[in-house]
Amino acid sequence: MRPTWDEYFMLVAHLVKLRSTCIRRRVGAVLVKGTRIVATGYNGVPVKFRHCTDVGCLREVLKIPSGLCHELCRGLHAEMNAIIQAAVFGVSTVGCKLYVTTYPCTMCAKMIANAGISEVIYDSDYEDELAKSIFDEAGIVVRRFVLRGELMRIVKALESLYRVPEVAPSPEVIELAKKLLPEYRKLCSLLSNTPLLDLRSEN
């Protein structure tokens, strides 16, 4: 007996995510054409940058909730890195499937659409209604595949073995947070003071 293709590629995605140095959430992605892996990616900082496990997390210092203000992050998402890796090595992503451990965000959904990826298979859900609408409009097939039983126990054991260490923010990250805090507060204030559209039916 051997793993199904879905099990195989999702297991690889979970293995890939263990390379992530994100303090908040580790995510792995695998681009597949047919039954061949063409690129992988995990969330983390750009090449030659110091890792978040070395300098701390800017978003944690600013206490930014998950899913908001993605631009206030030093890292790239797993899906982005997989697509970029394919581009760097001259591999077409058109018609590829993307296996990813967490449902893509809005920014990644737009990149996935423009990369010509035909299907997204995810494990863990992530509430992003705009991303879902982008996938619908782009005609991208999205389905959930959850590793279960012994396979998930293997993943949990690996996560426990390769834990992300707790890191205090470096002086540089604290200083950067101080510079960005006024803009972040301004944005929060604008959002909280903007009147919402009246979506009630006129009938």
Protein backbone atom coordinates (compact mmCIF):
# COMPACT_ATOMS: atom_id res chain seq x y z
CA MET A 1 0.00 0.00 0.00
CA ARG A 2 1.26 3.51 -0.77
CA PRO A 3 -0.08 7.06 -0.32
CA THR A 4 -2.60 8.48 -2.77
CA TRP A 5 -1.39 11.45 -4.83
CA ASP A 6 -3.36 13.83 -2.59
CA GLU A 7 -1.79 12.32 0.53
CA TYR A 8 1.67 12.36 -1.03
CA PHE A 9 1.63 16.01 -2.13
CA MET A 10 -0.06 17.25 1.05
CA LEU A 11 2.49 15.40 3.17
CA VAL A 12 5.25 17.09 1.17
CA ALA A 13 3.58 20.48 1.76
CA HIS A 14 3.52 19.81 5.51
CA LEU A 15 7.18 18.76 5.40
CA VAL A 16 8.09 21.91 3.44
CA LYS A 17 6.41 24.17 6.01
CA LEU A 18 8.83 22.98 8.69
CA ARG A 19 11.50 25.15 6.99
CA SER A 20 9.40 28.24 7.77
CA THR A 21 10.75 30.69 10.33
CA CYS A 22 7.43 32.48 10.78
CA ILE A 23 6.62 32.89 14.46
CA ARG A 24 2.85 33.05 13.95
CA ARG A 25 1.92 30.34 11.43
CA ARG A 26 4.02 27.96 9.34
CA VAL A 27 2.66 27.23 5.87
CA GLY A 28 3.96 25.00 3.08
CA ALA A 29 3.04 24.94 -0.61
CA VAL A 30 3.79 22.53 -3.45
CA LEU A 31 3.23 23.23 -7.15
CA VAL A 32 2.44 20.11 -9.15
CA LYS A 33 2.15 19.51 -12.88
CA GLY A 34 0.59 16.14 -13.62
CA THR A 35 2.21 13.97 -10.97
CA ARG A 36 5.49 15.90 -10.81
CA ILE A 37 6.54 18.51 -8.25
CA VAL A 38 7.78 21.62 -10.06
CA ALA A 39 8.32 23.99 -7.12
CA THR A 40 7.86 24.31 -3.37
CA GLY A 41 7.59 27.26 -1.02
CA TYR A 42 7.19 28.12 2.63
CA ASN A 43 6.45 31.43 4.33
CA GLY A 44 9.50 33.42 5.30
CA VAL A 45 11.63 36.47 4.64
CA PRO A 46 13.32 37.29 1.30
CA VAL A 47 16.72 35.82 0.44
CA LYS A 48 19.61 37.18 2.54
CA PHE A 49 17.24 38.72 5.12
CA ARG A 50 17.53 37.80 8.78
CA HIS A 51 14.80 35.41 9.81
CA CYS A 52 11.91 36.30 12.09
CA THR A 53 13.24 33.68 14.52
CA ASP A 54 16.38 35.85 14.71
CA VAL A 55 14.91 39.35 14.97
CA GLY A 56 11.30 38.86 16.09
CA CYS A 57 7.94 39.54 14.47
CA LEU A 58 6.92 43.06 13.47
CA ARG A 59 3.24 42.09 13.39
CA GLU A 60 3.42 40.68 16.92
CA VAL A 61 4.97 43.91 18.20
CA LEU A 62 2.21 45.94 16.52
CA LYS A 63 -0.42 43.40 17.66
CA ILE A 64 -1.90 43.14 14.18
CA PRO A 65 -4.67 40.51 14.00
CA SER A 66 -4.26 37.59 11.62
CA GLY A 67 -5.46 38.33 8.09
CA LEU A 68 -5.06 42.12 8.28
CA CYS A 69 -2.41 44.49 6.90
CA HIS A 70 -0.30 41.84 5.16
CA GLU A 71 1.97 44.59 3.88
CA LEU A 72 3.24 45.08 7.45
CA CYS A 73 5.23 41.86 7.35
CA ARG A 74 8.84 41.16 6.39
CA GLY A 75 7.96 37.75 4.96
CA LEU A 76 6.38 36.29 1.86
CA HIS A 77 3.68 33.65 1.90
CA ALA A 78 4.31 30.04 0.94
CA GLU A 79 2.23 30.27 -2.23
CA MET A 80 4.13 33.39 -3.34
CA ASN A 81 7.47 31.71 -2.78
CA ALA A 82 6.44 28.60 -4.73
CA ILE A 83 5.33 30.73 -7.70
CA ILE A 84 8.49 32.87 -7.50
CA GLN A 85 10.69 29.77 -7.31
CA ALA A 86 9.08 28.43 -10.48
CA ALA A 87 9.68 31.78 -12.22
CA VAL A 88 13.34 31.92 -11.11
CA PHE A 89 14.02 28.51 -12.64
CA GLY A 90 11.95 29.13 -15.77
CA VAL A 91 9.18 26.64 -15.01
CA SER A 92 5.68 27.42 -16.26
CA THR A 93 2.93 27.35 -13.64
CA VAL A 94 0.10 27.33 -16.19
CA GLY A 95 -2.20 24.38 -15.54
CA CYS A 96 -0.47 23.45 -12.27
CA LYS A 97 -2.18 22.31 -9.11
CA LEU A 98 -1.21 23.96 -5.82
CA TYR A 99 -1.18 21.97 -2.61
CA VAL A 100 -1.03 24.24 0.43
CA THR A 101 -1.38 23.55 4.13
CA THR A 102 -3.56 26.62 4.79
CA TYR A 103 -6.24 28.27 2.64
CA PRO A 104 -4.65 31.13 0.63
CA CYS A 105 -5.17 34.78 1.51
CA THR A 106 -6.47 37.42 -0.91
CA MET A 107 -3.00 38.48 -2.08
CA CYS A 108 -2.00 34.89 -2.81
CA ALA A 109 -5.33 34.19 -4.52
CA LYS A 110 -4.63 36.99 -7.02
CA MET A 111 -1.13 35.66 -7.69
CA ILE A 112 -2.48 32.12 -8.11
CA ALA A 113 -5.03 33.37 -10.65
CA ASN A 114 -2.42 35.28 -12.68
CA ALA A 115 -0.01 32.34 -12.53
CA GLY A 116 -2.54 30.22 -14.43
CA ILE A 117 -2.88 27.66 -11.65
CA SER A 118 -5.96 25.54 -12.29
CA GLU A 119 -6.64 23.96 -8.91
CA VAL A 120 -5.93 24.66 -5.24
CA ILE A 121 -5.99 21.86 -2.68
CA TYR A 122 -5.75 23.01 0.94
CA ASP A 123 -5.70 21.33 4.33
CA SER A 124 -6.46 23.89 7.05
CA ASP A 125 -9.20 26.48 6.52
CA TYR A 126 -8.64 30.23 6.75
CA GLU A 127 -11.52 32.68 6.64
CA ASP A 128 -11.00 34.93 3.61
CA GLU A 129 -14.20 35.61 1.70
CA LEU A 130 -12.49 37.88 -0.84
CA ALA A 131 -10.01 35.13 -1.70
CA LYS A 132 -12.91 32.74 -2.22
CA SER A 133 -14.64 35.20 -4.56
CA ILE A 134 -11.39 35.64 -6.54
CA PHE A 135 -11.09 31.89 -7.02
CA ASP A 136 -14.75 31.71 -8.11
CA GLU A 137 -14.36 34.53 -10.63
CA ALA A 138 -11.10 33.07 -11.98
CA GLY A 139 -12.69 29.66 -12.41
CA ILE A 140 -10.09 27.97 -10.20
CA VAL A 141 -11.15 24.68 -8.66
CA VAL A 142 -10.70 24.74 -4.88
CA ARG A 143 -11.13 21.72 -2.66
CA ARG A 144 -10.16 20.71 0.84
CA PHE A 145 -8.08 17.63 1.56
CA VAL A 146 -7.36 16.92 5.21
CA LEU A 147 -4.71 14.46 6.31
CA ARG A 148 -6.20 12.11 8.87
CA GLY A 149 -5.30 9.35 11.27
CA GLU A 150 -1.70 8.17 11.33
CA LEU A 151 -0.64 10.67 8.66
CA MET A 152 -1.73 13.62 10.79
CA ARG A 153 -0.05 12.09 13.82
CA ILE A 154 3.18 11.96 11.80
CA VAL A 155 2.76 15.65 10.88
CA LYS A 156 2.12 16.61 14.52
CA ALA A 157 5.20 14.66 15.62
CA LEU A 158 7.35 16.50 13.07
CA GLU A 159 5.91 19.87 14.15
CA SER A 160 6.79 19.02 17.74
CA LEU A 161 10.31 17.99 16.72
CA TYR A 162 10.90 21.17 14.70
CA ARG A 163 9.32 23.80 16.92
CA VAL A 164 9.62 27.50 16.16
CA PRO A 165 11.47 29.07 19.10
CA GLU A 166 10.02 31.95 21.10
CA VAL A 167 11.89 35.11 20.19
CA ALA A 168 11.99 38.54 21.78
CA PRO A 169 11.83 41.35 19.19
CA SER A 170 15.19 42.88 18.32
CA PRO A 171 15.87 46.61 18.84
CA GLU A 172 15.67 47.12 15.06
CA VAL A 173 12.19 45.56 14.85
CA ILE A 174 10.99 47.58 17.85
CA GLU A 175 12.31 50.77 16.25
CA LEU A 176 10.61 49.92 12.94
CA ALA A 177 7.36 49.21 14.78
CA LYS A 178 7.53 52.65 16.43
CA LYS A 179 7.89 54.26 13.00
CA LEU A 180 4.98 52.29 11.53
CA LEU A 181 2.64 52.52 14.51
CA PRO A 182 1.21 56.00 13.66
CA GLU A 183 0.30 54.86 10.14
CA TYR A 184 -1.23 51.63 11.43
CA ARG A 185 -3.28 53.54 14.03
CA LYS A 186 -4.38 55.99 11.35
CA LEU A 187 -5.58 53.12 9.16
CA CYS A 188 -7.43 51.50 12.07
CA SER A 189 -9.06 54.83 12.88
CA LEU A 190 -10.17 55.34 9.29
CA LEU A 191 -11.66 51.86 9.14
CA SER A 192 -13.50 52.24 12.44
CA ASN A 193 -14.92 55.64 11.47
CA THR A 194 -15.97 54.75 7.91
CA PRO A 195 -19.74 54.23 7.71
CA LEU A 196 -20.65 50.79 6.43
CA LEU A 197 -22.82 50.40 3.35
CA ASP A 198 -26.45 49.77 4.07
CA LEU A 199 -26.85 46.27 2.65
CA ARG A 200 -30.47 45.85 3.71
CA SER A 201 -32.90 45.03 0.96
CA GLU A 202 -34.99 47.96 -0.27
CA ASN A 203 -38.05 45.74 -0.46
